[in-house]
Amino acid sequence: QVQLVESGGGLVQAGDSLRLSCATSEQFFVNYALGWFRQAPGKEREFVASISRAGLTYYADSVKGRFNISRDNPEKTVYLQMNDLHPDDTAVYYCAMRASPIARMTESHFDSWGRGTQVTVSS
């Protein structure tokens, strides 16, 4: 079972920035697509961003222009840089990996998941 470990969450104020990290020991990391999802209290988990093996990126409309997903293959880590955070960005953020080089935007396409990291944005 692939293990994904998120870090970097916390409590911030509206307008602040945070960078989430997700590390894995998966040996084929360089070949796989990765994604970030989030789940706010009382809501379903939703897509945030994904990145393909080739570095193609996709974003939810709600975070375009504010969030940036990137990957460091030698470090086997994927990042989510979050800028200009809003209170409605408050959620548990989950990292996911897909055993395919092609990025997708739906949960069902991802095979492995982290346990999540809490991001809370106060107004």
PDB file of N, CA and C in Angstrom:
ATOM      1  N   GLN A   1       0.844  -1.182   0.000  1.00  0.00           N
ATOM      2  CA  GLN A   1       0.000   0.000   0.000  1.00  0.00           C
ATOM      3  C   GLN A   1       0.887   1.243   0.000  1.00  0.00           C
ATOM      4  N   VAL A   2       0.659   2.107  -0.974  1.00  0.00           N
ATOM      5  CA  VAL A   2       1.436   3.334  -1.065  1.00  0.00           C
ATOM      6  C   VAL A   2       1.041   4.269   0.070  1.00  0.00           C
ATOM      7  N   GLN A   3       2.049   4.874   0.684  1.00  0.00           N
ATOM      8  CA  GLN A   3       1.784   5.815   1.762  1.00  0.00           C
ATOM      9  C   GLN A   3       2.051   7.235   1.299  1.00  0.00           C
ATOM     10  N   LEU A   4       1.092   8.104   1.516  1.00  0.00           N
ATOM     11  CA  LEU A   4       1.223   9.523   1.207  1.00  0.00           C
ATOM     12  C   LEU A   4       1.044  10.287   2.510  1.00  0.00           C
ATOM     13  N   VAL A   5       1.953  11.216   2.783  1.00  0.00           N
ATOM     14  CA  VAL A   5       1.906  11.949   4.043  1.00  0.00           C
ATOM     15  C   VAL A   5       1.898  13.439   3.763  1.00  0.00           C
ATOM     16  N   GLU A   6       0.784  14.074   4.125  1.00  0.00           N
ATOM     17  CA  GLU A   6       0.647  15.520   3.936  1.00  0.00           C
ATOM     18  C   GLU A   6       1.186  16.281   5.143  1.00  0.00           C
ATOM     19  N   SER A   7       1.628  17.501   4.879  1.00  0.00           N
ATOM     20  CA  SER A   7       2.056  18.398   5.950  1.00  0.00           C
ATOM     21  C   SER A   7       1.889  19.836   5.474  1.00  0.00           C
ATOM     22  N   GLY A   8       1.971  20.765   6.432  1.00  0.00           N
ATOM     23  CA  GLY A   8       1.949  22.175   6.078  1.00  0.00           C
ATOM     24  C   GLY A   8       0.650  22.897   6.367  1.00  0.00           C
ATOM     25  N   GLY A   9      -0.358  22.170   6.832  1.00  0.00           N
ATOM     26  CA  GLY A   9      -1.613  22.828   7.163  1.00  0.00           C
ATOM     27  C   GLY A   9      -1.476  23.686   8.406  1.00  0.00           C
ATOM     28  N   GLY A  10      -2.529  24.460   8.679  1.00  0.00           N
ATOM     29  CA  GLY A  10      -2.499  25.302   9.864  1.00  0.00           C
ATOM     30  C   GLY A  10      -3.623  26.304   9.870  1.00  0.00           C
ATOM     31  N   LEU A  11      -3.540  27.210  10.830  1.00  0.00           N
ATOM     32  CA  LEU A  11      -4.516  28.282  10.984  1.00  0.00           C
ATOM     33  C   LEU A  11      -3.896  29.582  10.498  1.00  0.00           C
ATOM     34  N   VAL A  12      -4.547  30.215   9.524  1.00  0.00           N
ATOM     35  CA  VAL A  12      -4.050  31.467   8.962  1.00  0.00           C
ATOM     36  C   VAL A  12      -5.207  32.448   8.832  1.00  0.00           C
ATOM     37  N   GLN A  13      -4.854  33.683   8.501  1.00  0.00           N
ATOM     38  CA  GLN A  13      -5.873  34.708   8.282  1.00  0.00           C
ATOM     39  C   GLN A  13      -6.153  34.864   6.795  1.00  0.00           C
ATOM     40  N   ALA A  14      -7.306  35.386   6.483  1.00  0.00           N
ATOM     41  CA  ALA A  14      -7.666  35.646   5.090  1.00  0.00           C
ATOM     42  C   ALA A  14      -6.578  36.505   4.440  1.00  0.00           C
ATOM     43  N   GLY A  15      -6.195  36.122   3.217  1.00  0.00           N
ATOM     44  CA  GLY A  15      -5.156  36.840   2.496  1.00  0.00           C
ATOM     45  C   GLY A  15      -3.766  36.248   2.663  1.00  0.00           C
ATOM     46  N   ASP A  16      -3.604  35.383   3.654  1.00  0.00           N
ATOM     47  CA  ASP A  16      -2.302  34.757   3.890  1.00  0.00           C
ATOM     48  C   ASP A  16      -2.033  33.639   2.882  1.00  0.00           C
ATOM     49  N   SER A  17      -0.837  33.077   2.971  1.00  0.00           N
ATOM     50  CA  SER A  17      -0.416  31.974   2.105  1.00  0.00           C
ATOM     51  C   SER A  17      -0.001  30.778   2.950  1.00  0.00           C
ATOM     52  N   LEU A  18      -0.118  29.607   2.367  1.00  0.00           N
ATOM     53  CA  LEU A  18       0.373  28.366   2.956  1.00  0.00           C
ATOM     54  C   LEU A  18       0.898  27.488   1.834  1.00  0.00           C
ATOM     55  N   ARG A  19       1.872  26.645   2.168  1.00  0.00           N
ATOM     56  CA  ARG A  19       2.322  25.644   1.207  1.00  0.00           C
ATOM     57  C   ARG A  19       2.147  24.265   1.826  1.00  0.00           C
ATOM     58  N   LEU A  20       1.354  23.453   1.174  1.00  0.00           N
ATOM     59  CA  LEU A  20       1.179  22.075   1.603  1.00  0.00           C
ATOM     60  C   LEU A  20       2.185  21.192   0.872  1.00  0.00           C
ATOM     61  N   SER A  21       2.643  20.167   1.563  1.00  0.00           N
ATOM     62  CA  SER A  21       3.549  19.183   0.983  1.00  0.00           C
ATOM     63  C   SER A  21       2.949  17.796   1.148  1.00  0.00           C
ATOM     64  N   CYS A  22       3.293  16.922   0.226  1.00  0.00           N
ATOM     65  CA  CYS A  22       2.861  15.526   0.313  1.00  0.00           C
ATOM     66  C   CYS A  22       4.022  14.664  -0.159  1.00  0.00           C
ATOM     67  N   ALA A  23       4.539  13.853   0.743  1.00  0.00           N
ATOM     68  CA  ALA A  23       5.699  13.031   0.449  1.00  0.00           C
ATOM     69  C   ALA A  23       5.314  11.556   0.401  1.00  0.00           C
ATOM     70  N   THR A  24       6.049  10.811  -0.417  1.00  0.00           N
ATOM     71  CA  THR A  24       5.807   9.383  -0.547  1.00  0.00           C
ATOM     72  C   THR A  24       7.123   8.660  -0.796  1.00  0.00           C
ATOM     73  N   SER A  25       7.109   7.377  -0.535  1.00  0.00           N
ATOM     74  CA  SER A  25       8.279   6.552  -0.851  1.00  0.00           C
ATOM     75  C   SER A  25       8.055   5.732  -2.113  1.00  0.00           C
ATOM     76  N   GLU A  26       6.943   5.984  -2.795  1.00  0.00           N
ATOM     77  CA  GLU A  26       6.576   5.223  -4.002  1.00  0.00           C
ATOM     78  C   GLU A  26       7.708   5.305  -5.036  1.00  0.00           C
ATOM     79  N   GLN A  27       8.248   4.150  -5.424  1.00  0.00           N
ATOM     80  CA  GLN A  27       9.408   4.135  -6.308  1.00  0.00           C
ATOM     81  C   GLN A  27       9.089   4.601  -7.716  1.00  0.00           C
ATOM     82  N   PHE A  28       7.834   4.514  -8.132  1.00  0.00           N
ATOM     83  CA  PHE A  28       7.475   4.923  -9.484  1.00  0.00           C
ATOM     84  C   PHE A  28       6.850   6.316  -9.512  1.00  0.00           C
ATOM     85  N   PHE A  29       7.109   7.093  -8.472  1.00  0.00           N
ATOM     86  CA  PHE A  29       6.519   8.427  -8.329  1.00  0.00           C
ATOM     87  C   PHE A  29       6.634   9.238  -9.603  1.00  0.00           C
ATOM     88  N   VAL A  30       7.779   9.208 -10.241  1.00  0.00           N
ATOM     89  CA  VAL A  30       8.032  10.063 -11.400  1.00  0.00           C
ATOM     90  C   VAL A  30       7.049   9.752 -12.535  1.00  0.00           C
ATOM     91  N   ASN A  31       6.485   8.549 -12.559  1.00  0.00           N
ATOM     92  CA  ASN A  31       5.600   8.144 -13.647  1.00  0.00           C
ATOM     93  C   ASN A  31       4.133   8.450 -13.398  1.00  0.00           C
ATOM     94  N   TYR A  32       3.798   8.887 -12.192  1.00  0.00           N
ATOM     95  CA  TYR A  32       2.404   8.980 -11.781  1.00  0.00           C
ATOM     96  C   TYR A  32       1.897  10.411 -11.718  1.00  0.00           C
ATOM     97  N   ALA A  33       0.604  10.550 -11.958  1.00  0.00           N
ATOM     98  CA  ALA A  33      -0.075  11.832 -11.756  1.00  0.00           C
ATOM     99  C   ALA A  33      -0.456  11.984 -10.288  1.00  0.00           C
ATOM    100  N   LEU A  34      -0.570  13.225  -9.871  1.00  0.00           N
ATOM    101  CA  LEU A  34      -0.861  13.524  -8.474  1.00  0.00           C
ATOM    102  C   LEU A  34      -1.960  14.578  -8.395  1.00  0.00           C
ATOM    103  N   GLY A  35      -2.625  14.617  -7.258  1.00  0.00           N
ATOM    104  CA  GLY A  35      -3.687  15.594  -7.113  1.00  0.00           C
ATOM    105  C   GLY A  35      -3.899  16.019  -5.678  1.00  0.00           C
ATOM    106  N   TRP A  36      -4.588  17.122  -5.533  1.00  0.00           N
ATOM    107  CA  TRP A  36      -5.031  17.607  -4.229  1.00  0.00           C
ATOM    108  C   TRP A  36      -6.558  17.751  -4.267  1.00  0.00           C
ATOM    109  N   PHE A  37      -7.178  17.286  -3.209  1.00  0.00           N
ATOM    110  CA  PHE A  37      -8.609  17.424  -3.016  1.00  0.00           C
ATOM    111  C   PHE A  37      -8.833  18.040  -1.639  1.00  0.00           C
ATOM    112  N   ARG A  38     -10.039  18.511  -1.380  1.00  0.00           N
ATOM    113  CA  ARG A  38     -10.334  19.060  -0.047  1.00  0.00           C
ATOM    114  C   ARG A  38     -11.778  18.755   0.335  1.00  0.00           C
ATOM    115  N   GLN A  39     -11.995  18.704   1.634  1.00  0.00           N
ATOM    116  CA  GLN A  39     -13.333  18.459   2.155  1.00  0.00           C
ATOM    117  C   GLN A  39     -13.613  19.425   3.288  1.00  0.00           C
ATOM    118  N   ALA A  40     -14.590  20.287   3.063  1.00  0.00           N
ATOM    119  CA  ALA A  40     -15.013  21.241   4.078  1.00  0.00           C
ATOM    120  C   ALA A  40     -16.070  20.587   4.972  1.00  0.00           C
ATOM    121  N   PRO A  41     -16.250  21.092   6.173  1.00  0.00           N
ATOM    122  CA  PRO A  41     -17.246  20.516   7.082  1.00  0.00           C
ATOM    123  C   PRO A  41     -18.635  20.475   6.448  1.00  0.00           C
ATOM    124  N   GLY A  42     -19.259  19.316   6.484  1.00  0.00           N
ATOM    125  CA  GLY A  42     -20.605  19.173   5.963  1.00  0.00           C
ATOM    126  C   GLY A  42     -20.706  19.104   4.456  1.00  0.00           C
ATOM    127  N   LYS A  43     -19.565  19.069   3.782  1.00  0.00           N
ATOM    128  CA  LYS A  43     -19.581  19.026   2.317  1.00  0.00           C
ATOM    129  C   LYS A  43     -18.848  17.793   1.810  1.00  0.00           C
ATOM    130  N   GLU A  44     -19.069  17.476   0.544  1.00  0.00           N
ATOM    131  CA  GLU A  44     -18.358  16.367  -0.068  1.00  0.00           C
ATOM    132  C   GLU A  44     -16.944  16.800  -0.447  1.00  0.00           C
ATOM    133  N   ARG A  45     -16.097  15.804  -0.568  1.00  0.00           N
ATOM    134  CA  ARG A  45     -14.731  16.096  -0.995  1.00  0.00           C
ATOM    135  C   ARG A  45     -14.752  16.586  -2.436  1.00  0.00           C
ATOM    136  N   GLU A  46     -13.899  17.597  -2.718  1.00  0.00           N
ATOM    137  CA  GLU A  46     -13.898  18.193  -4.049  1.00  0.00           C
ATOM    138  C   GLU A  46     -12.478  18.319  -4.582  1.00  0.00           C
ATOM    139  N   PHE A  47     -12.387  18.345  -5.889  1.00  0.00           N
ATOM    140  CA  PHE A  47     -11.110  18.500  -6.587  1.00  0.00           C
ATOM    141  C   PHE A  47     -10.557  19.897  -6.373  1.00  0.00           C
ATOM    142  N   VAL A  48      -9.234  19.977  -6.203  1.00  0.00           N
ATOM    143  CA  VAL A  48      -8.554  21.266  -6.099  1.00  0.00           C
ATOM    144  C   VAL A  48      -7.578  21.447  -7.258  1.00  0.00           C
ATOM    145  N   ALA A  49      -6.669  20.504  -7.430  1.00  0.00           N
ATOM    146  CA  ALA A  49      -5.645  20.632  -8.462  1.00  0.00           C
ATOM    147  C   ALA A  49      -5.031  19.273  -8.750  1.00  0.00           C
ATOM    148  N   SER A  50      -4.483  19.126  -9.956  1.00  0.00           N
ATOM    149  CA  SER A  50      -3.759  17.904 -10.295  1.00  0.00           C
ATOM    150  C   SER A  50      -2.629  18.233 -11.246  1.00  0.00           C
ATOM    151  N   ILE A  51      -1.657  17.316 -11.296  1.00  0.00           N
ATOM    152  CA  ILE A  51      -0.492  17.507 -12.149  1.00  0.00           C
ATOM    153  C   ILE A  51      -0.114  16.173 -12.770  1.00  0.00           C
ATOM    154  N   SER A  52       0.182  16.191 -14.053  1.00  0.00           N
ATOM    155  CA  SER A  52       0.532  14.973 -14.763  1.00  0.00           C
ATOM    156  C   SER A  52       2.023  14.679 -14.627  1.00  0.00           C
ATOM    157  N   ARG A  53       2.418  13.543 -15.148  1.00  0.00           N
ATOM    158  CA  ARG A  53       3.841  13.205 -15.176  1.00  0.00           C
ATOM    159  C   ARG A  53       4.641  14.269 -15.918  1.00  0.00           C
ATOM    160  N   ALA A  54       4.064  14.776 -16.988  1.00  0.00           N
ATOM    161  CA  ALA A  54       4.755  15.767 -17.821  1.00  0.00           C
ATOM    162  C   ALA A  54       4.698  17.186 -17.244  1.00  0.00           C
ATOM    163  N   GLY A  55       3.952  17.338 -16.152  1.00  0.00           N
ATOM    164  CA  GLY A  55       3.884  18.662 -15.537  1.00  0.00           C
ATOM    165  C   GLY A  55       2.682  19.489 -15.960  1.00  0.00           C
ATOM    166  N   LEU A  56       1.751  18.901 -16.692  1.00  0.00           N
ATOM    167  CA  LEU A  56       0.528  19.617 -17.045  1.00  0.00           C
ATOM    168  C   LEU A  56      -0.334  19.756 -15.792  1.00  0.00           C
ATOM    169  N   THR A  57      -0.884  20.927 -15.598  1.00  0.00           N
ATOM    170  CA  THR A  57      -1.638  21.188 -14.370  1.00  0.00           C
ATOM    171  C   THR A  57      -3.092  21.542 -14.662  1.00  0.00           C
ATOM    172  N   TYR A  58      -3.949  21.217 -13.710  1.00  0.00           N
ATOM    173  CA  TYR A  58      -5.379  21.479 -13.808  1.00  0.00           C
ATOM    174  C   TYR A  58      -5.852  21.995 -12.455  1.00  0.00           C
ATOM    175  N   TYR A  59      -6.797  22.928 -12.487  1.00  0.00           N
ATOM    176  CA  TYR A  59      -7.267  23.555 -11.260  1.00  0.00           C
ATOM    177  C   TYR A  59      -8.783  23.680 -11.252  1.00  0.00           C
ATOM    178  N   ALA A  60      -9.341  23.619 -10.049  1.00  0.00           N
ATOM    179  CA  ALA A  60     -10.742  23.977  -9.884  1.00  0.00           C
ATOM    180  C   ALA A  60     -10.886  25.472 -10.131  1.00  0.00           C
ATOM    181  N   ASP A  61     -12.022  25.869 -10.654  1.00  0.00           N
ATOM    182  CA  ASP A  61     -12.239  27.285 -10.948  1.00  0.00           C
ATOM    183  C   ASP A  61     -12.085  28.147  -9.698  1.00  0.00           C
ATOM    184  N   SER A  62     -12.465  27.600  -8.556  1.00  0.00           N
ATOM    185  CA  SER A  62     -12.452  28.373  -7.310  1.00  0.00           C
ATOM    186  C   SER A  62     -11.043  28.723  -6.831  1.00  0.00           C
ATOM    187  N   VAL A  63     -10.039  28.038  -7.347  1.00  0.00           N
ATOM    188  CA  VAL A  63      -8.668  28.294  -6.873  1.00  0.00           C
ATOM    189  C   VAL A  63      -7.740  28.784  -7.978  1.00  0.00           C
ATOM    190  N   LYS A  64      -8.216  28.833  -9.210  1.00  0.00           N
ATOM    191  CA  LYS A  64      -7.367  29.290 -10.328  1.00  0.00           C
ATOM    192  C   LYS A  64      -6.830  30.682 -10.054  1.00  0.00           C
ATOM    193  N   GLY A  65      -5.548  30.850 -10.306  1.00  0.00           N
ATOM    194  CA  GLY A  65      -4.928  32.143 -10.091  1.00  0.00           C
ATOM    195  C   GLY A  65      -4.438  32.360  -8.669  1.00  0.00           C
ATOM    196  N   ARG A  66      -4.848  31.491  -7.736  1.00  0.00           N
ATOM    197  CA  ARG A  66      -4.421  31.631  -6.340  1.00  0.00           C
ATOM    198  C   ARG A  66      -3.560  30.449  -5.886  1.00  0.00           C
ATOM    199  N   PHE A  67      -3.872  29.262  -6.381  1.00  0.00           N
ATOM    200  CA  PHE A  67      -3.161  28.052  -5.969  1.00  0.00           C
ATOM    201  C   PHE A  67      -2.245  27.580  -7.100  1.00  0.00           C
ATOM    202  N   ASN A  68      -1.160  26.925  -6.712  1.00  0.00           N
ATOM    203  CA  ASN A  68      -0.241  26.368  -7.698  1.00  0.00           C
ATOM    204  C   ASN A  68       0.230  24.989  -7.238  1.00  0.00           C
ATOM    205  N   ILE A  69       0.055  23.991  -8.094  1.00  0.00           N
ATOM    206  CA  ILE A  69       0.522  22.645  -7.787  1.00  0.00           C
ATOM    207  C   ILE A  69       1.845  22.413  -8.504  1.00  0.00           C
ATOM    208  N   SER A  70       2.772  21.757  -7.822  1.00  0.00           N
ATOM    209  CA  SER A  70       4.058  21.451  -8.432  1.00  0.00           C
ATOM    210  C   SER A  70       4.568  20.141  -7.861  1.00  0.00           C
ATOM    211  N   ARG A  71       5.591  19.583  -8.515  1.00  0.00           N
ATOM    212  CA  ARG A  71       6.132  18.319  -8.052  1.00  0.00           C
ATOM    213  C   ARG A  71       7.643  18.352  -8.091  1.00  0.00           C
ATOM    214  N   ASP A  72       8.247  17.642  -7.164  1.00  0.00           N
ATOM    215  CA  ASP A  72       9.695  17.492  -7.109  1.00  0.00           C
ATOM    216  C   ASP A  72       9.965  15.993  -7.190  1.00  0.00           C
ATOM    217  N   ASN A  73      10.310  15.523  -8.360  1.00  0.00           N
ATOM    218  CA  ASN A  73      10.449  14.080  -8.559  1.00  0.00           C
ATOM    219  C   ASN A  73      11.591  13.459  -7.744  1.00  0.00           C
ATOM    220  N   PRO A  74      12.778  14.066  -7.710  1.00  0.00           N
ATOM    221  CA  PRO A  74      13.834  13.452  -6.884  1.00  0.00           C
ATOM    222  C   PRO A  74      13.432  13.335  -5.411  1.00  0.00           C
ATOM    223  N   GLU A  75      12.651  14.313  -4.925  1.00  0.00           N
ATOM    224  CA  GLU A  75      12.220  14.283  -3.524  1.00  0.00           C
ATOM    225  C   GLU A  75      10.932  13.495  -3.337  1.00  0.00           C
ATOM    226  N   LYS A  76      10.300  13.068  -4.448  1.00  0.00           N
ATOM    227  CA  LYS A  76       9.032  12.329  -4.393  1.00  0.00           C
ATOM    228  C   LYS A  76       8.007  13.097  -3.564  1.00  0.00           C
ATOM    229  N   THR A  77       7.869  14.355  -3.900  1.00  0.00           N
ATOM    230  CA  THR A  77       6.978  15.241  -3.146  1.00  0.00           C
ATOM    231  C   THR A  77       6.151  16.081  -4.115  1.00  0.00           C
ATOM    232  N   VAL A  78       4.897  16.291  -3.759  1.00  0.00           N
ATOM    233  CA  VAL A  78       4.040  17.202  -4.501  1.00  0.00           C
ATOM    234  C   VAL A  78       3.645  18.328  -3.558  1.00  0.00           C
ATOM    235  N   TYR A  79       3.571  19.532  -4.110  1.00  0.00           N
ATOM    236  CA  TYR A  79       3.280  20.711  -3.308  1.00  0.00           C
ATOM    237  C   TYR A  79       1.993  21.376  -3.785  1.00  0.00           C
ATOM    238  N   LEU A  80       1.373  22.085  -2.860  1.00  0.00           N
ATOM    239  CA  LEU A  80       0.254  22.954  -3.209  1.00  0.00           C
ATOM    240  C   LEU A  80       0.513  24.303  -2.552  1.00  0.00           C
ATOM    241  N   GLN A  81       0.925  25.268  -3.358  1.00  0.00           N
ATOM    242  CA  GLN A  81       1.123  26.628  -2.875  1.00  0.00           C
ATOM    243  C   GLN A  81      -0.217  27.345  -2.928  1.00  0.00           C
ATOM    244  N   MET A  82      -0.659  27.829  -1.786  1.00  0.00           N
ATOM    245  CA  MET A  82      -1.973  28.474  -1.692  1.00  0.00           C
ATOM    246  C   MET A  82      -1.768  29.928  -1.284  1.00  0.00           C
ATOM    247  N   ASN A  83      -2.166  30.832  -2.159  1.00  0.00           N
ATOM    248  CA  ASN A  83      -2.027  32.257  -1.901  1.00  0.00           C
ATOM    249  C   ASN A  83      -3.395  32.903  -1.775  1.00  0.00           C
ATOM    250  N   ASP A  84      -3.426  34.067  -1.146  1.00  0.00           N
ATOM    251  CA  ASP A  84      -4.664  34.827  -0.996  1.00  0.00           C
ATOM    252  C   ASP A  84      -5.797  33.917  -0.507  1.00  0.00           C
ATOM    253  N   LEU A  85      -5.541  33.264   0.598  1.00  0.00           N
ATOM    254  CA  LEU A  85      -6.518  32.320   1.118  1.00  0.00           C
ATOM    255  C   LEU A  85      -7.790  33.019   1.583  1.00  0.00           C
ATOM    256  N   HIS A  86      -8.904  32.352   1.344  1.00  0.00           N
ATOM    257  CA  HIS A  86     -10.219  32.838   1.733  1.00  0.00           C
ATOM    258  C   HIS A  86     -10.777  31.947   2.841  1.00  0.00           C
ATOM    259  N   PRO A  87     -11.701  32.459   3.644  1.00  0.00           N
ATOM    260  CA  PRO A  87     -12.323  31.600   4.659  1.00  0.00           C
ATOM    261  C   PRO A  87     -12.972  30.354   4.075  1.00  0.00           C
ATOM    262  N   ASP A  88     -13.503  30.442   2.863  1.00  0.00           N
ATOM    263  CA  ASP A  88     -14.131  29.249   2.284  1.00  0.00           C
ATOM    264  C   ASP A  88     -13.121  28.260   1.717  1.00  0.00           C
ATOM    265  N   ASP A  89     -11.833  28.527   1.872  1.00  0.00           N
ATOM    266  CA  ASP A  89     -10.790  27.524   1.580  1.00  0.00           C
ATOM    267  C   ASP A  89     -10.579  26.601   2.775  1.00  0.00           C
ATOM    268  N   THR A  90     -11.238  26.900   3.893  1.00  0.00           N
ATOM    269  CA  THR A  90     -11.106  26.061   5.076  1.00  0.00           C
ATOM    270  C   THR A  90     -11.601  24.654   4.790  1.00  0.00           C
ATOM    271  N   ALA A  91     -10.741  23.678   5.031  1.00  0.00           N
ATOM    272  CA  ALA A  91     -11.064  22.278   4.712  1.00  0.00           C
ATOM    273  C   ALA A  91      -9.915  21.392   5.162  1.00  0.00           C
ATOM    274  N   VAL A  92     -10.169  20.107   5.122  1.00  0.00           N
ATOM    275  CA  VAL A  92      -9.087  19.129   5.202  1.00  0.00           C
ATOM    276  C   VAL A  92      -8.613  18.886   3.775  1.00  0.00           C
ATOM    277  N   TYR A  93      -7.320  19.029   3.566  1.00  0.00           N
ATOM    278  CA  TYR A  93      -6.737  18.864   2.237  1.00  0.00           C
ATOM    279  C   TYR A  93      -6.064  17.499   2.136  1.00  0.00           C
ATOM    280  N   TYR A  94      -6.400  16.778   1.063  1.00  0.00           N
ATOM    281  CA  TYR A  94      -5.899  15.436   0.848  1.00  0.00           C
ATOM    282  C   TYR A  94      -5.031  15.379  -0.411  1.00  0.00           C
ATOM    283  N   CYS A  95      -3.949  14.660  -0.302  1.00  0.00           N
ATOM    284  CA  CYS A  95      -3.084  14.375  -1.431  1.00  0.00           C
ATOM    285  C   CYS A  95      -3.495  13.021  -2.013  1.00  0.00           C
ATOM    286  N   ALA A  96      -3.422  12.884  -3.331  1.00  0.00           N
ATOM    287  CA  ALA A  96      -3.782  11.623  -3.978  1.00  0.00           C
ATOM    288  C   ALA A  96      -2.827  11.333  -5.123  1.00  0.00           C
ATOM    289  N   MET A  97      -2.642  10.046  -5.368  1.00  0.00           N
ATOM    290  CA  MET A  97      -1.756   9.603  -6.439  1.00  0.00           C
ATOM    291  C   MET A  97      -2.514   8.682  -7.378  1.00  0.00           C
ATOM    292  N   ARG A  98      -2.214   8.818  -8.653  1.00  0.00           N
ATOM    293  CA  ARG A  98      -2.869   8.007  -9.667  1.00  0.00           C
ATOM    294  C   ARG A  98      -1.814   7.198 -10.392  1.00  0.00           C
ATOM    295  N   ALA A  99      -2.042   5.878 -10.485  1.00  0.00           N
ATOM    296  CA  ALA A  99      -1.075   4.991 -11.132  1.00  0.00           C
ATOM    297  C   ALA A  99      -1.171   5.117 -12.644  1.00  0.00           C
ATOM    298  N   SER A 100      -0.984   6.330 -13.127  1.00  0.00           N
ATOM    299  CA  SER A 100      -1.051   6.672 -14.539  1.00  0.00           C
ATOM    300  C   SER A 100      -0.352   8.011 -14.710  1.00  0.00           C
ATOM    301  N   PRO A 101       0.239   8.257 -15.870  1.00  0.00           N
ATOM    302  CA  PRO A 101       0.895   9.543 -16.067  1.00  0.00           C
ATOM    303  C   PRO A 101      -0.070  10.692 -16.358  1.00  0.00           C
ATOM    304  N   ILE A 102      -1.328  10.361 -16.612  1.00  0.00           N
ATOM    305  CA  ILE A 102      -2.305  11.359 -17.037  1.00  0.00           C
ATOM    306  C   ILE A 102      -3.096  11.871 -15.834  1.00  0.00           C
ATOM    307  N   ALA A 103      -3.151  13.171 -15.700  1.00  0.00           N
ATOM    308  CA  ALA A 103      -3.870  13.768 -14.577  1.00  0.00           C
ATOM    309  C   ALA A 103      -5.369  13.754 -14.831  1.00  0.00           C
ATOM    310  N   ARG A 104      -6.118  13.624 -13.748  1.00  0.00           N
ATOM    311  CA  ARG A 104      -7.572  13.678 -13.810  1.00  0.00           C
ATOM    312  C   ARG A 104      -8.087  14.589 -12.710  1.00  0.00           C
ATOM    313  N   MET A 105      -9.416  14.805 -12.718  1.00  0.00           N
ATOM    314  CA  MET A 105     -10.007  15.729 -11.755  1.00  0.00           C
ATOM    315  C   MET A 105     -11.105  15.097 -10.929  1.00  0.00           C
ATOM    316  N   THR A 106     -11.213  13.787 -10.948  1.00  0.00           N
ATOM    317  CA  THR A 106     -12.242  13.115 -10.167  1.00  0.00           C
ATOM    318  C   THR A 106     -11.621  12.104  -9.226  1.00  0.00           C
ATOM    319  N   GLU A 107     -12.233  11.970  -8.064  1.00  0.00           N
ATOM    320  CA  GLU A 107     -11.696  11.085  -7.026  1.00  0.00           C
ATOM    321  C   GLU A 107     -11.507   9.662  -7.510  1.00  0.00           C
ATOM    322  N   SER A 108     -12.457   9.179  -8.275  1.00  0.00           N
ATOM    323  CA  SER A 108     -12.443   7.767  -8.649  1.00  0.00           C
ATOM    324  C   SER A 108     -11.237   7.392  -9.498  1.00  0.00           C
ATOM    325  N   HIS A 109     -10.558   8.373 -10.064  1.00  0.00           N
ATOM    326  CA  HIS A 109      -9.387   8.086 -10.900  1.00  0.00           C
ATOM    327  C   HIS A 109      -8.102   7.962 -10.094  1.00  0.00           C
ATOM    328  N   PHE A 110      -8.171   8.240  -8.801  1.00  0.00           N
ATOM    329  CA  PHE A 110      -6.974   8.202  -7.971  1.00  0.00           C
ATOM    330  C   PHE A 110      -6.960   6.938  -7.121  1.00  0.00           C
ATOM    331  N   ASP A 111      -5.765   6.372  -6.955  1.00  0.00           N
ATOM    332  CA  ASP A 111      -5.630   5.059  -6.339  1.00  0.00           C
ATOM    333  C   ASP A 111      -5.182   5.092  -4.880  1.00  0.00           C
ATOM    334  N   SER A 112      -4.413   6.099  -4.524  1.00  0.00           N
ATOM    335  CA  SER A 112      -3.858   6.158  -3.171  1.00  0.00           C
ATOM    336  C   SER A 112      -4.120   7.541  -2.599  1.00  0.00           C
ATOM    337  N   TRP A 113      -4.368   7.556  -1.286  1.00  0.00           N
ATOM    338  CA  TRP A 113      -4.734   8.802  -0.619  1.00  0.00           C
ATOM    339  C   TRP A 113      -3.974   8.975   0.689  1.00  0.00           C
ATOM    340  N   GLY A 114      -3.672  10.227   1.005  1.00  0.00           N
ATOM    341  CA  GLY A 114      -3.129  10.542   2.318  1.00  0.00           C
ATOM    342  C   GLY A 114      -4.244  10.710   3.325  1.00  0.00           C
ATOM    343  N   ARG A 115      -3.860  10.981   4.562  1.00  0.00           N
ATOM    344  CA  ARG A 115      -4.855  11.120   5.632  1.00  0.00           C
ATOM    345  C   ARG A 115      -5.382  12.542   5.760  1.00  0.00           C
ATOM    346  N   GLY A 116      -4.727  13.463   5.114  1.00  0.00           N
ATOM    347  CA  GLY A 116      -5.218  14.831   5.116  1.00  0.00           C
ATOM    348  C   GLY A 116      -4.526  15.746   6.099  1.00  0.00           C
ATOM    349  N   THR A 117      -4.579  17.038   5.803  1.00  0.00           N
ATOM    350  CA  THR A 117      -4.043  18.060   6.698  1.00  0.00           C
ATOM    351  C   THR A 117      -5.047  19.202   6.762  1.00  0.00           C
ATOM    352  N   GLN A 118      -5.278  19.706   7.960  1.00  0.00           N
ATOM    353  CA  GLN A 118      -6.312  20.723   8.159  1.00  0.00           C
ATOM    354  C   GLN A 118      -5.784  22.106   7.801  1.00  0.00           C
ATOM    355  N   VAL A 119      -6.575  22.825   7.018  1.00  0.00           N
ATOM    356  CA  VAL A 119      -6.308  24.228   6.717  1.00  0.00           C
ATOM    357  C   VAL A 119      -7.510  25.031   7.199  1.00  0.00           C
ATOM    358  N   THR A 120      -7.249  25.993   8.062  1.00  0.00           N
ATOM    359  CA  THR A 120      -8.307  26.848   8.583  1.00  0.00           C
ATOM    360  C   THR A 120      -7.959  28.298   8.300  1.00  0.00           C
ATOM    361  N   VAL A 121      -8.881  29.000   7.644  1.00  0.00           N
ATOM    362  CA  VAL A 121      -8.658  30.392   7.275  1.00  0.00           C
ATOM    363  C   VAL A 121      -9.684  31.244   8.018  1.00  0.00           C
ATOM    364  N   SER A 122      -9.186  32.124   8.858  1.00  0.00           N
ATOM    365  CA  SER A 122     -10.084  32.996   9.619  1.00  0.00           C
ATOM    366  C   SER A 122     -10.275  34.318   8.888  1.00  0.00           C
ATOM    367  N   SER A 123     -11.429  34.908   9.088  1.00  0.00           N
ATOM    368  CA  SER A 123     -11.735  36.167   8.398  1.00  0.00           C
ATOM    369  C   SER A 123     -11.291  37.366   9.208  1.00  0.00           C
TER     370      SER A 123
END
